[in-house]
Amino acid sequence: FIDDEVICGFGRTGNPFGCQTMGIKPTTMSVAKALSSAYLPISAVIVPDSMYQPFVEASSELGNFAHGFTYTGHPVCAAVALRNLELMEERQVFAHAAKMGEIFQSRLDQYDEHPLVGNTRGAGLIGAVELVADRETGKKFDGSHAVGAFCMNRCLEHGLIVRSLGDTIAFCPPLIIDDAQIDELFGKFERALAETLAYVNALD
């Protein structure tokens, strides 16, 4: 089982890795992005000993590590990634993100009863709000109305960066966010959502 931790790894879901949050035991894990906090491009594959040992055995015959990617082992990128991981440990980023994630999810859940919201979902410091035309049936908006894009643009106008995936608004705040910033985030989203509701009502 290959676990893609590019988005969900390094504290994003409230645990060091998303597979721990979901109770999954993968064979391998792919990591990137947060490995260096995106300061420099780097990725890696975490493998079990049963896969690692054959590489070691072959390496003794070849004289070097018997595996590689096209772009791999860049010393500057590796140094940045190492220091990034050290800082995450020194500053207890995972523990902080887990604590803030509980607050974030609690605030996100409050939108479950909003007239535009079909559902909210997430884990830790990642979440989504799905906008629907009819809460009872889950009916989606006509794509030509671009409701999700409208909401995203209103968020941007208020200084909040989100992503619209169709009519779903995705949140992925920084792991170092604090209580006051979570309040600020949802205050800006509240304004954007109210403006989106007015936009939708005007479509009728």
N, C-alpha and C. Protein backbone atom coordinates (compact mmCIF):
# COMPACT_ATOMS: atom_id res chain seq x y z
N PHE A 1 0.84 -1.19 0.00
CA PHE A 1 0.00 0.00 0.00
C PHE A 1 0.88 1.24 0.00
N ILE A 2 0.73 2.11 -0.99
CA ILE A 2 1.51 3.34 -1.11
C ILE A 2 0.72 4.50 -0.52
N ASP A 3 1.28 5.16 0.46
CA ASP A 3 0.61 6.27 1.14
C ASP A 3 1.21 7.59 0.65
N ASP A 4 0.36 8.44 0.06
CA ASP A 4 0.79 9.75 -0.40
C ASP A 4 0.65 10.75 0.74
N GLU A 5 1.77 11.14 1.34
CA GLU A 5 1.77 12.08 2.46
C GLU A 5 2.24 13.47 2.04
N VAL A 6 2.22 13.75 0.74
CA VAL A 6 2.70 15.04 0.24
C VAL A 6 1.90 16.19 0.85
N ILE A 7 0.58 16.03 0.95
CA ILE A 7 -0.27 17.06 1.55
C ILE A 7 -0.48 16.81 3.04
N CYS A 8 -0.75 15.57 3.41
CA CYS A 8 -1.22 15.26 4.77
C CYS A 8 -0.10 14.95 5.76
N GLY A 9 1.14 14.93 5.31
CA GLY A 9 2.24 14.61 6.21
C GLY A 9 2.76 15.79 7.00
N PHE A 10 3.61 15.50 7.98
CA PHE A 10 4.30 16.50 8.79
C PHE A 10 3.35 17.39 9.58
N GLY A 11 2.41 16.75 10.29
CA GLY A 11 1.58 17.45 11.25
C GLY A 11 0.27 18.03 10.74
N ARG A 12 0.02 17.95 9.46
CA ARG A 12 -1.15 18.62 8.87
C ARG A 12 -2.46 18.12 9.45
N THR A 13 -2.58 16.81 9.73
CA THR A 13 -3.85 16.25 10.17
C THR A 13 -3.93 16.04 11.69
N GLY A 14 -2.95 16.57 12.42
CA GLY A 14 -2.97 16.42 13.87
C GLY A 14 -2.02 15.36 14.37
N ASN A 15 -1.41 14.59 13.47
CA ASN A 15 -0.39 13.61 13.78
C ASN A 15 0.78 13.85 12.85
N PRO A 16 1.95 13.28 13.15
CA PRO A 16 3.07 13.46 12.23
C PRO A 16 2.72 13.10 10.78
N PHE A 17 1.95 12.03 10.61
CA PHE A 17 1.56 11.62 9.26
C PHE A 17 0.07 11.31 9.19
N GLY A 18 -0.52 11.57 8.03
CA GLY A 18 -1.95 11.35 7.85
C GLY A 18 -2.37 9.91 8.06
N CYS A 19 -1.49 8.97 7.72
CA CYS A 19 -1.84 7.56 7.89
C CYS A 19 -2.08 7.22 9.36
N GLN A 20 -1.40 7.94 10.26
CA GLN A 20 -1.62 7.72 11.70
C GLN A 20 -2.99 8.23 12.11
N THR A 21 -3.39 9.36 11.56
CA THR A 21 -4.72 9.91 11.84
C THR A 21 -5.81 8.97 11.37
N MET A 22 -5.60 8.35 10.20
CA MET A 22 -6.59 7.48 9.59
C MET A 22 -6.47 6.02 10.02
N GLY A 23 -5.46 5.69 10.81
CA GLY A 23 -5.28 4.32 11.28
C GLY A 23 -4.86 3.36 10.18
N ILE A 24 -4.06 3.84 9.24
CA ILE A 24 -3.61 3.02 8.11
C ILE A 24 -2.13 2.67 8.31
N LYS A 25 -1.77 1.45 7.94
CA LYS A 25 -0.36 1.04 8.01
C LYS A 25 0.14 0.80 6.58
N PRO A 26 0.74 1.82 5.96
CA PRO A 26 1.18 1.70 4.58
C PRO A 26 2.47 0.90 4.43
N THR A 27 2.73 0.48 3.20
CA THR A 27 4.00 -0.17 2.90
C THR A 27 5.08 0.88 2.69
N THR A 28 4.77 1.89 1.90
CA THR A 28 5.70 2.99 1.67
C THR A 28 4.96 4.32 1.82
N MET A 29 5.74 5.38 2.05
CA MET A 29 5.15 6.73 2.15
C MET A 29 5.93 7.67 1.24
N SER A 30 5.19 8.44 0.44
CA SER A 30 5.79 9.48 -0.39
C SER A 30 5.64 10.81 0.35
N VAL A 31 6.75 11.55 0.48
CA VAL A 31 6.72 12.83 1.16
C VAL A 31 7.40 13.90 0.31
N ALA A 32 6.98 15.14 0.49
CA ALA A 32 7.54 16.29 -0.23
C ALA A 32 7.03 17.55 0.44
N LYS A 33 7.07 18.67 -0.25
CA LYS A 33 6.52 19.95 0.20
C LYS A 33 6.92 20.28 1.64
N ALA A 34 6.18 19.78 2.63
CA ALA A 34 6.45 20.13 4.02
C ALA A 34 7.79 19.56 4.51
N LEU A 35 8.37 18.65 3.75
CA LEU A 35 9.69 18.10 4.10
C LEU A 35 10.71 19.24 4.22
N SER A 36 10.56 20.27 3.39
CA SER A 36 11.44 21.44 3.47
C SER A 36 10.63 22.71 3.74
N SER A 37 9.36 22.57 4.10
CA SER A 37 8.43 23.70 4.21
C SER A 37 8.42 24.51 2.91
N ALA A 38 8.69 23.81 1.80
CA ALA A 38 8.66 24.37 0.45
C ALA A 38 9.72 25.45 0.21
N TYR A 39 10.72 25.54 1.08
CA TYR A 39 11.79 26.52 0.84
C TYR A 39 12.62 26.12 -0.37
N LEU A 40 12.82 24.82 -0.54
CA LEU A 40 13.50 24.30 -1.72
C LEU A 40 12.81 23.00 -2.12
N PRO A 41 12.85 22.65 -3.41
CA PRO A 41 12.17 21.42 -3.85
C PRO A 41 12.91 20.16 -3.42
N ILE A 42 12.17 19.29 -2.76
CA ILE A 42 12.74 18.01 -2.35
C ILE A 42 11.60 17.04 -2.07
N SER A 43 11.83 15.78 -2.36
CA SER A 43 10.85 14.74 -2.04
C SER A 43 11.60 13.49 -1.63
N ALA A 44 10.86 12.54 -1.06
CA ALA A 44 11.49 11.30 -0.61
C ALA A 44 10.44 10.20 -0.55
N VAL A 45 10.93 8.97 -0.54
CA VAL A 45 10.07 7.80 -0.33
C VAL A 45 10.57 7.09 0.91
N ILE A 46 9.69 6.89 1.87
CA ILE A 46 10.02 6.17 3.10
C ILE A 46 9.63 4.71 2.91
N VAL A 47 10.61 3.82 3.06
CA VAL A 47 10.38 2.40 2.77
C VAL A 47 10.68 1.55 4.00
N PRO A 48 10.07 0.37 4.09
CA PRO A 48 10.35 -0.53 5.21
C PRO A 48 11.70 -1.23 5.02
N ASP A 49 12.18 -1.81 6.09
CA ASP A 49 13.48 -2.49 6.04
C ASP A 49 13.51 -3.60 4.99
N SER A 50 12.37 -4.27 4.78
CA SER A 50 12.32 -5.37 3.81
C SER A 50 12.59 -4.89 2.39
N MET A 51 12.31 -3.62 2.12
CA MET A 51 12.62 -3.06 0.81
C MET A 51 14.00 -2.41 0.79
N TYR A 52 14.41 -1.90 1.94
CA TYR A 52 15.69 -1.20 2.01
C TYR A 52 16.89 -2.15 1.90
N GLN A 53 16.79 -3.30 2.56
CA GLN A 53 17.93 -4.21 2.61
C GLN A 53 18.42 -4.68 1.23
N PRO A 54 17.53 -5.01 0.29
CA PRO A 54 18.03 -5.38 -1.06
C PRO A 54 18.84 -4.26 -1.72
N PHE A 55 18.47 -2.99 -1.46
CA PHE A 55 19.27 -1.88 -1.98
C PHE A 55 20.67 -1.90 -1.38
N VAL A 56 20.73 -2.17 -0.07
CA VAL A 56 22.01 -2.19 0.62
C VAL A 56 22.89 -3.31 0.07
N GLU A 57 22.29 -4.49 -0.12
CA GLU A 57 23.04 -5.62 -0.64
C GLU A 57 23.58 -5.36 -2.04
N ALA A 58 22.75 -4.77 -2.89
CA ALA A 58 23.20 -4.44 -4.25
C ALA A 58 24.25 -3.34 -4.23
N SER A 59 24.14 -2.44 -3.26
CA SER A 59 25.09 -1.33 -3.18
C SER A 59 26.50 -1.81 -2.91
N SER A 60 26.64 -2.86 -2.12
CA SER A 60 27.98 -3.38 -1.82
C SER A 60 28.66 -3.91 -3.07
N GLU A 61 27.87 -4.36 -4.04
CA GLU A 61 28.43 -4.85 -5.29
C GLU A 61 28.77 -3.70 -6.24
N LEU A 62 27.92 -2.67 -6.23
CA LEU A 62 28.10 -1.56 -7.17
C LEU A 62 29.06 -0.48 -6.67
N GLY A 63 29.22 -0.39 -5.36
CA GLY A 63 30.11 0.61 -4.82
C GLY A 63 29.42 1.92 -4.44
N ASN A 64 28.13 2.03 -4.74
CA ASN A 64 27.35 3.19 -4.31
C ASN A 64 25.91 2.74 -4.06
N PHE A 65 25.11 3.64 -3.49
CA PHE A 65 23.73 3.27 -3.17
C PHE A 65 22.98 2.93 -4.45
N ALA A 66 22.42 1.74 -4.50
CA ALA A 66 21.86 1.19 -5.74
C ALA A 66 20.43 1.61 -6.01
N HIS A 67 20.18 2.89 -5.89
CA HIS A 67 18.87 3.41 -6.26
C HIS A 67 18.97 4.92 -6.37
N GLY A 68 18.12 5.51 -7.20
CA GLY A 68 18.13 6.97 -7.31
C GLY A 68 16.99 7.46 -8.16
N PHE A 69 16.63 8.72 -7.98
CA PHE A 69 15.65 9.39 -8.82
C PHE A 69 16.41 10.24 -9.83
N THR A 70 15.72 10.74 -10.82
CA THR A 70 16.37 11.62 -11.79
C THR A 70 16.96 12.84 -11.10
N TYR A 71 16.18 13.44 -10.19
CA TYR A 71 16.66 14.58 -9.41
C TYR A 71 16.71 14.14 -7.96
N THR A 72 17.90 13.91 -7.45
CA THR A 72 17.97 13.35 -6.10
C THR A 72 19.27 13.76 -5.41
N GLY A 73 19.20 13.78 -4.10
CA GLY A 73 20.39 13.98 -3.29
C GLY A 73 21.06 15.33 -3.42
N HIS A 74 20.32 16.37 -3.82
CA HIS A 74 20.93 17.70 -3.94
C HIS A 74 21.34 18.16 -2.54
N PRO A 75 22.62 18.45 -2.32
CA PRO A 75 23.10 18.73 -0.95
C PRO A 75 22.44 19.95 -0.30
N VAL A 76 22.17 21.01 -1.08
CA VAL A 76 21.55 22.20 -0.49
C VAL A 76 20.11 21.91 -0.09
N CYS A 77 19.35 21.25 -0.98
CA CYS A 77 17.96 20.91 -0.67
C CYS A 77 17.90 19.97 0.53
N ALA A 78 18.81 19.00 0.58
CA ALA A 78 18.84 18.05 1.70
C ALA A 78 19.16 18.77 3.01
N ALA A 79 20.07 19.73 2.96
CA ALA A 79 20.43 20.49 4.16
C ALA A 79 19.26 21.31 4.66
N VAL A 80 18.53 21.93 3.74
CA VAL A 80 17.35 22.72 4.11
C VAL A 80 16.28 21.82 4.72
N ALA A 81 16.05 20.66 4.12
CA ALA A 81 15.06 19.73 4.65
C ALA A 81 15.44 19.26 6.05
N LEU A 82 16.71 18.95 6.24
CA LEU A 82 17.17 18.49 7.55
C LEU A 82 16.96 19.57 8.61
N ARG A 83 17.34 20.81 8.27
CA ARG A 83 17.17 21.89 9.24
C ARG A 83 15.69 22.16 9.50
N ASN A 84 14.87 22.05 8.47
CA ASN A 84 13.43 22.22 8.64
C ASN A 84 12.86 21.20 9.63
N LEU A 85 13.27 19.96 9.50
CA LEU A 85 12.79 18.91 10.41
C LEU A 85 13.29 19.16 11.83
N GLU A 86 14.52 19.65 11.94
CA GLU A 86 15.05 19.97 13.27
C GLU A 86 14.24 21.08 13.93
N LEU A 87 13.90 22.10 13.14
CA LEU A 87 13.11 23.21 13.68
C LEU A 87 11.71 22.76 14.08
N MET A 88 11.11 21.88 13.29
CA MET A 88 9.79 21.34 13.64
C MET A 88 9.84 20.65 14.99
N GLU A 89 10.94 19.91 15.23
CA GLU A 89 11.08 19.21 16.50
C GLU A 89 11.39 20.18 17.64
N GLU A 90 12.32 21.10 17.41
CA GLU A 90 12.71 22.05 18.45
C GLU A 90 11.55 22.92 18.88
N ARG A 91 10.72 23.33 17.93
CA ARG A 91 9.62 24.25 18.21
C ARG A 91 8.28 23.54 18.44
N GLN A 92 8.33 22.23 18.49
CA GLN A 92 7.15 21.41 18.77
C GLN A 92 5.98 21.77 17.85
N VAL A 93 6.29 21.86 16.58
CA VAL A 93 5.29 22.26 15.58
C VAL A 93 4.14 21.27 15.51
N PHE A 94 4.43 19.97 15.57
CA PHE A 94 3.37 18.97 15.47
C PHE A 94 2.38 19.10 16.62
N ALA A 95 2.89 19.28 17.84
CA ALA A 95 2.01 19.40 19.01
C ALA A 95 1.16 20.66 18.90
N HIS A 96 1.78 21.75 18.45
CA HIS A 96 1.03 23.00 18.29
C HIS A 96 -0.05 22.84 17.23
N ALA A 97 0.31 22.22 16.11
CA ALA A 97 -0.65 22.04 15.02
C ALA A 97 -1.82 21.16 15.47
N ALA A 98 -1.53 20.14 16.26
CA ALA A 98 -2.60 19.27 16.76
C ALA A 98 -3.57 20.05 17.64
N LYS A 99 -3.03 20.90 18.51
CA LYS A 99 -3.87 21.72 19.39
C LYS A 99 -4.71 22.71 18.59
N MET A 100 -4.08 23.40 17.64
CA MET A 100 -4.80 24.36 16.81
C MET A 100 -5.80 23.66 15.89
N GLY A 101 -5.48 22.44 15.50
CA GLY A 101 -6.37 21.68 14.63
C GLY A 101 -7.71 21.40 15.29
N GLU A 102 -7.70 21.16 16.58
CA GLU A 102 -8.96 20.93 17.30
C GLU A 102 -9.82 22.18 17.28
N ILE A 103 -9.19 23.33 17.48
CA ILE A 103 -9.93 24.60 17.45
C ILE A 103 -10.44 24.87 16.04
N PHE A 104 -9.59 24.65 15.06
CA PHE A 104 -9.95 24.88 13.66
C PHE A 104 -11.13 24.03 13.25
N GLN A 105 -11.11 22.74 13.58
CA GLN A 105 -12.20 21.84 13.21
C GLN A 105 -13.50 22.21 13.92
N SER A 106 -13.38 22.65 15.16
CA SER A 106 -14.57 23.07 15.91
C SER A 106 -15.22 24.27 15.24
N ARG A 107 -14.41 25.22 14.80
CA ARG A 107 -14.94 26.39 14.11
C ARG A 107 -15.53 26.01 12.75
N LEU A 108 -14.87 25.09 12.06
CA LEU A 108 -15.34 24.66 10.74
C LEU A 108 -16.71 24.00 10.85
N ASP A 109 -16.89 23.20 11.90
CA ASP A 109 -18.16 22.48 12.10
C ASP A 109 -19.35 23.43 12.26
N GLN A 110 -19.10 24.64 12.70
CA GLN A 110 -20.19 25.59 12.94
C GLN A 110 -20.92 25.98 11.65
N TYR A 111 -20.31 25.70 10.51
CA TYR A 111 -20.95 26.05 9.24
C TYR A 111 -21.88 24.95 8.71
N ASP A 112 -21.98 23.86 9.45
CA ASP A 112 -22.84 22.76 9.01
C ASP A 112 -24.30 23.17 8.85
N GLU A 113 -24.73 24.18 9.58
CA GLU A 113 -26.13 24.61 9.53
C GLU A 113 -26.36 25.82 8.63
N HIS A 114 -25.32 26.29 7.98
CA HIS A 114 -25.46 27.46 7.10
C HIS A 114 -26.30 27.10 5.88
N PRO A 115 -27.17 27.99 5.43
CA PRO A 115 -28.06 27.65 4.30
C PRO A 115 -27.35 27.29 2.99
N LEU A 116 -26.10 27.68 2.83
CA LEU A 116 -25.36 27.35 1.61
C LEU A 116 -24.53 26.08 1.72
N VAL A 117 -24.39 25.55 2.93
CA VAL A 117 -23.42 24.48 3.18
C VAL A 117 -24.06 23.10 3.19
N GLY A 118 -23.54 22.23 2.33
CA GLY A 118 -23.99 20.84 2.31
C GLY A 118 -23.31 20.04 3.39
N ASN A 119 -22.01 20.24 3.56
CA ASN A 119 -21.28 19.60 4.65
C ASN A 119 -19.92 20.26 4.83
N THR A 120 -19.36 20.04 6.00
CA THR A 120 -17.98 20.44 6.27
C THR A 120 -17.20 19.17 6.61
N ARG A 121 -15.92 19.17 6.31
CA ARG A 121 -15.11 17.98 6.59
C ARG A 121 -13.66 18.40 6.74
N GLY A 122 -12.91 17.58 7.43
CA GLY A 122 -11.50 17.88 7.58
C GLY A 122 -10.86 17.09 8.70
N ALA A 123 -9.57 17.32 8.90
CA ALA A 123 -8.81 16.70 9.98
C ALA A 123 -7.65 17.63 10.29
N GLY A 124 -7.46 17.92 11.57
CA GLY A 124 -6.36 18.80 11.94
C GLY A 124 -6.50 20.17 11.29
N LEU A 125 -5.43 20.61 10.62
CA LEU A 125 -5.42 21.92 9.98
C LEU A 125 -5.62 21.81 8.47
N ILE A 126 -6.57 21.01 8.08
CA ILE A 126 -7.00 20.96 6.69
C ILE A 126 -8.50 20.74 6.71
N GLY A 127 -9.21 21.44 5.84
CA GLY A 127 -10.67 21.32 5.88
C GLY A 127 -11.33 21.81 4.61
N ALA A 128 -12.61 21.54 4.51
CA ALA A 128 -13.36 21.93 3.33
C ALA A 128 -14.80 22.23 3.70
N VAL A 129 -15.38 23.17 2.97
CA VAL A 129 -16.79 23.52 3.09
C VAL A 129 -17.42 23.35 1.72
N GLU A 130 -18.40 22.46 1.62
CA GLU A 130 -19.06 22.21 0.33
C GLU A 130 -20.31 23.07 0.22
N LEU A 131 -20.36 23.88 -0.83
CA LEU A 131 -21.50 24.77 -1.06
C LEU A 131 -22.50 24.08 -1.98
N VAL A 132 -23.78 24.09 -1.59
CA VAL A 132 -24.81 23.42 -2.37
C VAL A 132 -26.02 24.32 -2.57
N ALA A 133 -26.78 24.02 -3.62
CA ALA A 133 -27.98 24.80 -3.92
C ALA A 133 -29.14 24.43 -3.00
N ASP A 134 -29.14 23.16 -2.54
CA ASP A 134 -30.22 22.69 -1.68
C ASP A 134 -29.63 21.80 -0.59
N ARG A 135 -29.70 22.25 0.65
CA ARG A 135 -29.13 21.49 1.77
C ARG A 135 -29.82 20.14 1.96
N GLU A 136 -31.13 20.11 1.76
CA GLU A 136 -31.90 18.90 2.03
C GLU A 136 -31.57 17.77 1.05
N THR A 137 -31.45 18.12 -0.22
CA THR A 137 -31.21 17.11 -1.25
C THR A 137 -29.75 16.99 -1.65
N GLY A 138 -28.95 18.00 -1.27
CA GLY A 138 -27.55 18.01 -1.69
C GLY A 138 -27.36 18.44 -3.14
N LYS A 139 -28.42 18.99 -3.72
CA LYS A 139 -28.35 19.43 -5.12
C LYS A 139 -27.24 20.45 -5.31
N LYS A 140 -26.46 20.26 -6.36
CA LYS A 140 -25.35 21.14 -6.65
C LYS A 140 -25.82 22.36 -7.44
N PHE A 141 -25.00 23.40 -7.42
CA PHE A 141 -25.28 24.58 -8.21
C PHE A 141 -25.01 24.31 -9.69
N ASP A 142 -25.70 25.01 -10.54
CA ASP A 142 -25.38 25.00 -11.96
C ASP A 142 -23.94 25.50 -12.10
N GLY A 143 -23.13 24.72 -12.79
CA GLY A 143 -21.72 25.07 -12.92
C GLY A 143 -21.46 26.43 -13.53
N SER A 144 -22.40 26.90 -14.36
CA SER A 144 -22.21 28.19 -15.01
C SER A 144 -22.24 29.35 -14.02
N HIS A 145 -22.79 29.12 -12.82
CA HIS A 145 -22.86 30.18 -11.82
C HIS A 145 -21.53 30.36 -11.07
N ALA A 146 -20.66 29.35 -11.15
CA ALA A 146 -19.32 29.42 -10.52
C ALA A 146 -19.38 29.94 -9.09
N VAL A 147 -20.24 29.32 -8.28
CA VAL A 147 -20.44 29.79 -6.91
C VAL A 147 -19.17 29.64 -6.08
N GLY A 148 -18.50 28.51 -6.24
CA GLY A 148 -17.26 28.30 -5.49
C GLY A 148 -16.20 29.34 -5.83
N ALA A 149 -16.05 29.63 -7.11
CA ALA A 149 -15.07 30.63 -7.55
C ALA A 149 -15.44 32.01 -7.02
N PHE A 150 -16.75 32.31 -6.99
CA PHE A 150 -17.20 33.60 -6.45
C PHE A 150 -16.80 33.71 -4.98
N CYS A 151 -17.07 32.66 -4.22
CA CYS A 151 -16.75 32.66 -2.79
C CYS A 151 -15.24 32.79 -2.59
N MET A 152 -14.46 32.06 -3.36
CA MET A 152 -13.00 32.14 -3.25
C MET A 152 -12.52 33.57 -3.51
N ASN A 153 -13.06 34.19 -4.54
CA ASN A 153 -12.65 35.55 -4.87
C ASN A 153 -13.04 36.56 -3.80
N ARG A 154 -14.21 36.33 -3.17
CA ARG A 154 -14.61 37.20 -2.06
C ARG A 154 -13.65 37.00 -0.88
N CYS A 155 -13.25 35.77 -0.64
CA CYS A 155 -12.26 35.51 0.42
C CYS A 155 -10.97 36.28 0.14
N LEU A 156 -10.51 36.19 -1.10
CA LEU A 156 -9.28 36.90 -1.48
C LEU A 156 -9.41 38.40 -1.28
N GLU A 157 -10.59 38.93 -1.60
CA GLU A 157 -10.84 40.37 -1.40
C GLU A 157 -10.68 40.76 0.06
N HIS A 158 -10.99 39.82 0.95
CA HIS A 158 -10.91 40.09 2.39
C HIS A 158 -9.56 39.67 2.98
N GLY A 159 -8.63 39.23 2.11
CA GLY A 159 -7.29 38.88 2.58
C GLY A 159 -7.14 37.45 3.05
N LEU A 160 -8.03 36.56 2.62
CA LEU A 160 -7.96 35.16 3.00
C LEU A 160 -7.72 34.31 1.76
N ILE A 161 -6.65 33.53 1.78
CA ILE A 161 -6.33 32.66 0.65
C ILE A 161 -6.95 31.29 0.88
N VAL A 162 -7.86 30.90 0.02
CA VAL A 162 -8.46 29.56 0.02
C VAL A 162 -8.40 29.04 -1.41
N ARG A 163 -8.87 27.84 -1.60
CA ARG A 163 -8.91 27.24 -2.94
C ARG A 163 -10.30 26.72 -3.21
N SER A 164 -10.84 27.02 -4.38
CA SER A 164 -12.14 26.45 -4.73
C SER A 164 -11.92 25.25 -5.63
N LEU A 165 -12.51 24.15 -5.24
CA LEU A 165 -12.48 22.91 -6.03
C LEU A 165 -13.92 22.68 -6.45
N GLY A 166 -14.28 23.24 -7.60
CA GLY A 166 -15.69 23.28 -7.95
C GLY A 166 -16.38 24.21 -6.96
N ASP A 167 -17.41 23.71 -6.29
CA ASP A 167 -18.10 24.51 -5.28
C ASP A 167 -17.71 24.12 -3.87
N THR A 168 -16.55 23.53 -3.73
CA THR A 168 -16.01 23.21 -2.41
C THR A 168 -14.86 24.16 -2.11
N ILE A 169 -14.92 24.78 -0.94
CA ILE A 169 -13.87 25.71 -0.51
C ILE A 169 -12.91 24.96 0.40
N ALA A 170 -11.64 24.93 0.00
CA ALA A 170 -10.63 24.18 0.74
C ALA A 170 -9.74 25.13 1.56
N PHE A 171 -9.48 24.73 2.80
CA PHE A 171 -8.65 25.50 3.72
C PHE A 171 -7.40 24.69 4.07
N CYS A 172 -6.26 25.35 4.12
CA CYS A 172 -5.02 24.69 4.50
C CYS A 172 -4.11 25.72 5.17
N PRO A 173 -4.47 26.17 6.38
CA PRO A 173 -3.71 27.24 7.03
C PRO A 173 -2.33 26.77 7.48
N PRO A 174 -1.42 27.69 7.73
CA PRO A 174 -0.08 27.31 8.19
C PRO A 174 -0.12 26.61 9.54
N LEU A 175 0.81 25.70 9.75
CA LEU A 175 0.85 24.93 11.00
C LEU A 175 1.14 25.80 12.21
N ILE A 176 1.69 26.99 12.00
CA ILE A 176 2.03 27.88 13.13
C ILE A 176 0.92 28.86 13.44
N ILE A 177 -0.24 28.69 12.84
CA ILE A 177 -1.37 29.56 13.11
C ILE A 177 -1.72 29.55 14.60
N ASP A 178 -2.22 30.67 15.11
CA ASP A 178 -2.61 30.72 16.53
C ASP A 178 -4.11 30.99 16.66
N ASP A 179 -4.59 31.03 17.89
CA ASP A 179 -6.02 31.20 18.16
C ASP A 179 -6.59 32.46 17.50
N ALA A 180 -5.87 33.57 17.67
CA ALA A 180 -6.35 34.84 17.14
C ALA A 180 -6.42 34.80 15.62
N GLN A 181 -5.46 34.14 15.00
CA GLN A 181 -5.45 34.04 13.54
C GLN A 181 -6.56 33.12 13.03
N ILE A 182 -6.90 32.10 13.81
CA ILE A 182 -8.05 31.26 13.43
C ILE A 182 -9.32 32.08 13.48
N ASP A 183 -9.46 32.92 14.51
CA ASP A 183 -10.62 33.82 14.59
C ASP A 183 -10.65 34.75 13.37
N GLU A 184 -9.49 35.28 13.01
CA GLU A 184 -9.41 36.19 11.86
C GLU A 184 -9.78 35.45 10.58
N LEU A 185 -9.27 34.24 10.42
CA LEU A 185 -9.56 33.43 9.23
C LEU A 185 -11.07 33.24 9.06
N PHE A 186 -11.73 32.80 10.11
CA PHE A 186 -13.16 32.52 9.99
C PHE A 186 -14.00 33.80 9.95
N GLY A 187 -13.49 34.88 10.52
CA GLY A 187 -14.19 36.16 10.38
C GLY A 187 -14.23 36.60 8.92
N LYS A 188 -13.11 36.42 8.23
CA LYS A 188 -13.05 36.79 6.81
C LYS A 188 -13.89 35.84 5.97
N PHE A 189 -13.86 34.55 6.33
CA PHE A 189 -14.68 33.60 5.59
C PHE A 189 -16.16 33.88 5.79
N GLU A 190 -16.53 34.27 7.00
CA GLU A 190 -17.93 34.59 7.31
C GLU A 190 -18.44 35.71 6.40
N ARG A 191 -17.61 36.73 6.22
CA ARG A 191 -17.99 37.84 5.35
C ARG A 191 -18.14 37.37 3.90
N ALA A 192 -17.19 36.57 3.46
CA ALA A 192 -17.23 36.07 2.08
C ALA A 192 -18.44 35.17 1.86
N LEU A 193 -18.79 34.35 2.86
CA LEU A 193 -19.92 33.45 2.73
C LEU A 193 -21.23 34.24 2.69
N ALA A 194 -21.32 35.30 3.49
CA ALA A 194 -22.52 36.14 3.47
C ALA A 194 -22.69 36.80 2.10
N GLU A 195 -21.60 37.24 1.51
CA GLU A 195 -21.64 37.85 0.19
C GLU A 195 -21.99 36.81 -0.88
N THR A 196 -21.53 35.59 -0.67
CA THR A 196 -21.86 34.51 -1.61
C THR A 196 -23.33 34.16 -1.54
N LEU A 197 -23.91 34.17 -0.33
CA LEU A 197 -25.33 33.90 -0.16
C LEU A 197 -26.15 34.98 -0.87
N ALA A 198 -25.72 36.23 -0.75
CA ALA A 198 -26.43 37.33 -1.43
C ALA A 198 -26.34 37.15 -2.94
N TYR A 199 -25.19 36.71 -3.41
CA TYR A 199 -24.99 36.46 -4.85
C TYR A 199 -25.93 35.35 -5.33
N VAL A 200 -26.00 34.27 -4.56
CA VAL A 200 -26.86 33.13 -4.92
C VAL A 200 -28.33 33.55 -4.92
N ASN A 201 -28.73 34.29 -3.90
CA ASN A 201 -30.13 34.73 -3.82
C ASN A 201 -30.51 35.62 -5.00
N ALA A 202 -29.55 36.38 -5.49
CA ALA A 202 -29.81 37.27 -6.63
C ALA A 202 -29.95 36.50 -7.94
N LEU A 203 -29.52 35.23 -7.93
CA LEU A 203 -29.63 34.41 -9.15
C LEU A 203 -31.06 33.95 -9.39
N ASP A 204 -31.86 33.90 -8.33
CA ASP A 204 -33.24 33.39 -8.44
C ASP A 204 -34.14 34.34 -9.23
